[in-house]
Amino acid sequence: MSFDLYRADGEVIRYGDDARFSFTATGHLVIYDGAHKIVFGQHSWDRVEEPVPPPGK
């Protein structure tokens, strides 16, 4: 099922039928769009940068 994400700054991001979403325990929105994982903050739906584990961990 496709859906739109309406951000606080007025931007609308459209996701297709292959996209899925869930929420973390801290209220962040996680969108899986094909092979990509995008994390958004809960207040204005800004993208959140997550630390990437070092290679070999």
N, C-alpha and C. Protein backbone atom coordinates (compact mmCIF):
# COMPACT_ATOMS: atom_id res chain seq x y z
N MET A 1 0.84 -1.18 0.00
CA MET A 1 0.00 0.00 0.00
C MET A 1 0.89 1.24 0.00
N SER A 2 0.73 2.12 -0.92
CA SER A 2 1.54 3.33 -0.99
C SER A 2 1.07 4.34 0.05
N PHE A 3 1.97 5.25 0.43
CA PHE A 3 1.61 6.27 1.42
C PHE A 3 2.47 7.51 1.20
N ASP A 4 2.02 8.63 1.76
CA ASP A 4 2.73 9.90 1.68
C ASP A 4 3.18 10.30 3.08
N LEU A 5 4.37 10.88 3.18
CA LEU A 5 4.88 11.42 4.44
C LEU A 5 4.86 12.94 4.32
N TYR A 6 4.06 13.59 5.14
CA TYR A 6 3.94 15.05 5.14
C TYR A 6 4.85 15.61 6.22
N ARG A 7 5.92 16.28 5.82
CA ARG A 7 6.88 16.83 6.76
C ARG A 7 6.46 18.21 7.24
N ALA A 8 7.00 18.66 8.37
CA ALA A 8 6.65 19.95 8.96
C ALA A 8 7.04 21.12 8.05
N ASP A 9 8.07 20.94 7.21
CA ASP A 9 8.50 22.03 6.32
C ASP A 9 7.67 22.11 5.04
N GLY A 10 6.64 21.28 4.91
CA GLY A 10 5.76 21.32 3.75
C GLY A 10 6.11 20.32 2.66
N GLU A 11 7.26 19.67 2.77
CA GLU A 11 7.65 18.68 1.78
C GLU A 11 6.77 17.43 1.93
N VAL A 12 6.38 16.86 0.81
CA VAL A 12 5.62 15.61 0.81
C VAL A 12 6.49 14.56 0.12
N ILE A 13 6.74 13.46 0.81
CA ILE A 13 7.55 12.38 0.25
C ILE A 13 6.59 11.21 -0.02
N ARG A 14 6.57 10.77 -1.27
CA ARG A 14 5.68 9.68 -1.66
C ARG A 14 6.44 8.36 -1.70
N TYR A 15 5.85 7.33 -1.12
CA TYR A 15 6.42 5.99 -1.13
C TYR A 15 5.47 5.05 -1.85
N GLY A 16 6.05 4.12 -2.60
CA GLY A 16 5.25 3.19 -3.40
C GLY A 16 4.79 1.97 -2.62
N ASP A 17 4.20 1.05 -3.36
CA ASP A 17 3.63 -0.15 -2.76
C ASP A 17 4.66 -1.05 -2.08
N ASP A 18 5.93 -0.97 -2.48
CA ASP A 18 6.94 -1.84 -1.88
C ASP A 18 7.49 -1.28 -0.57
N ALA A 19 7.15 -0.06 -0.20
CA ALA A 19 7.65 0.56 1.04
C ALA A 19 6.85 0.09 2.25
N ARG A 20 7.55 -0.05 3.36
CA ARG A 20 6.94 -0.44 4.64
C ARG A 20 7.42 0.52 5.71
N PHE A 21 6.66 0.69 6.78
CA PHE A 21 7.10 1.57 7.85
C PHE A 21 6.81 0.96 9.20
N SER A 22 7.56 1.42 10.19
CA SER A 22 7.33 1.03 11.58
C SER A 22 7.85 2.16 12.47
N PHE A 23 7.60 2.06 13.76
CA PHE A 23 8.05 3.05 14.71
C PHE A 23 8.96 2.39 15.74
N THR A 24 9.99 3.11 16.18
CA THR A 24 10.87 2.60 17.22
C THR A 24 10.26 2.90 18.58
N ALA A 25 10.84 2.35 19.63
CA ALA A 25 10.36 2.59 20.99
C ALA A 25 10.50 4.06 21.38
N THR A 26 11.43 4.78 20.76
CA THR A 26 11.62 6.20 21.08
C THR A 26 10.81 7.12 20.19
N GLY A 27 9.97 6.56 19.31
CA GLY A 27 9.07 7.37 18.50
C GLY A 27 9.59 7.74 17.13
N HIS A 28 10.76 7.24 16.73
CA HIS A 28 11.26 7.52 15.39
C HIS A 28 10.51 6.67 14.37
N LEU A 29 10.31 7.24 13.20
CA LEU A 29 9.68 6.55 12.10
C LEU A 29 10.76 5.89 11.26
N VAL A 30 10.62 4.60 10.98
CA VAL A 30 11.57 3.87 10.14
C VAL A 30 10.83 3.43 8.89
N ILE A 31 11.38 3.81 7.73
CA ILE A 31 10.78 3.43 6.45
C ILE A 31 11.75 2.54 5.71
N TYR A 32 11.26 1.40 5.28
CA TYR A 32 12.03 0.48 4.45
C TYR A 32 11.49 0.62 3.04
N ASP A 33 12.31 1.17 2.16
CA ASP A 33 11.90 1.41 0.77
C ASP A 33 12.82 0.58 -0.13
N GLY A 34 12.39 -0.60 -0.46
CA GLY A 34 13.25 -1.50 -1.23
C GLY A 34 14.42 -1.94 -0.37
N ALA A 35 15.64 -1.63 -0.81
CA ALA A 35 16.84 -2.02 -0.06
C ALA A 35 17.29 -0.91 0.90
N HIS A 36 16.58 0.20 0.98
CA HIS A 36 17.00 1.34 1.79
C HIS A 36 16.22 1.40 3.10
N LYS A 37 16.92 1.82 4.15
CA LYS A 37 16.29 2.06 5.45
C LYS A 37 16.49 3.54 5.77
N ILE A 38 15.40 4.25 6.03
CA ILE A 38 15.46 5.68 6.32
C ILE A 38 14.81 5.89 7.68
N VAL A 39 15.49 6.63 8.56
CA VAL A 39 14.97 6.90 9.90
C VAL A 39 14.65 8.39 10.00
N PHE A 40 13.43 8.70 10.47
CA PHE A 40 12.98 10.08 10.62
C PHE A 40 12.70 10.35 12.09
N GLY A 41 13.02 11.57 12.55
CA GLY A 41 12.69 12.00 13.90
C GLY A 41 11.20 12.21 14.04
N GLN A 42 10.71 12.13 15.27
CA GLN A 42 9.26 12.13 15.50
C GLN A 42 8.62 13.51 15.50
N HIS A 43 9.37 14.60 15.59
CA HIS A 43 8.74 15.92 15.72
C HIS A 43 8.44 16.58 14.38
N SER A 44 9.41 16.63 13.48
CA SER A 44 9.16 17.28 12.20
C SER A 44 9.44 16.35 11.03
N TRP A 45 9.64 15.07 11.32
CA TRP A 45 9.97 14.06 10.33
C TRP A 45 11.24 14.40 9.57
N ASP A 46 12.23 14.99 10.28
CA ASP A 46 13.55 15.21 9.69
C ASP A 46 14.31 13.89 9.70
N ARG A 47 15.18 13.70 8.72
CA ARG A 47 15.99 12.48 8.69
C ARG A 47 16.95 12.48 9.87
N VAL A 48 17.12 11.32 10.46
CA VAL A 48 18.03 11.16 11.59
C VAL A 48 19.22 10.35 11.10
N GLU A 49 20.41 10.86 11.37
CA GLU A 49 21.62 10.13 11.01
C GLU A 49 21.94 9.14 12.11
N GLU A 50 22.07 7.89 11.77
CA GLU A 50 22.40 6.87 12.76
C GLU A 50 23.86 6.48 12.59
N PRO A 51 24.56 6.23 13.73
CA PRO A 51 25.94 5.78 13.60
C PRO A 51 26.01 4.42 12.92
N VAL A 52 27.02 4.26 12.11
CA VAL A 52 27.23 3.01 11.40
C VAL A 52 28.31 2.25 12.15
N PRO A 53 28.10 0.98 12.47
CA PRO A 53 29.13 0.23 13.19
C PRO A 53 30.41 0.09 12.36
N PRO A 54 31.56 0.08 13.01
CA PRO A 54 32.81 -0.06 12.25
C PRO A 54 32.87 -1.42 11.56
N PRO A 55 33.62 -1.50 10.46
CA PRO A 55 33.74 -2.78 9.73
C PRO A 55 34.27 -3.87 10.67
N GLY A 56 33.76 -5.07 10.51
CA GLY A 56 34.24 -6.20 11.28
C GLY A 56 33.54 -6.38 12.61
N LYS A 57 32.58 -5.53 12.94
CA LYS A 57 31.86 -5.65 14.23
C LYS A 57 30.58 -6.39 14.06
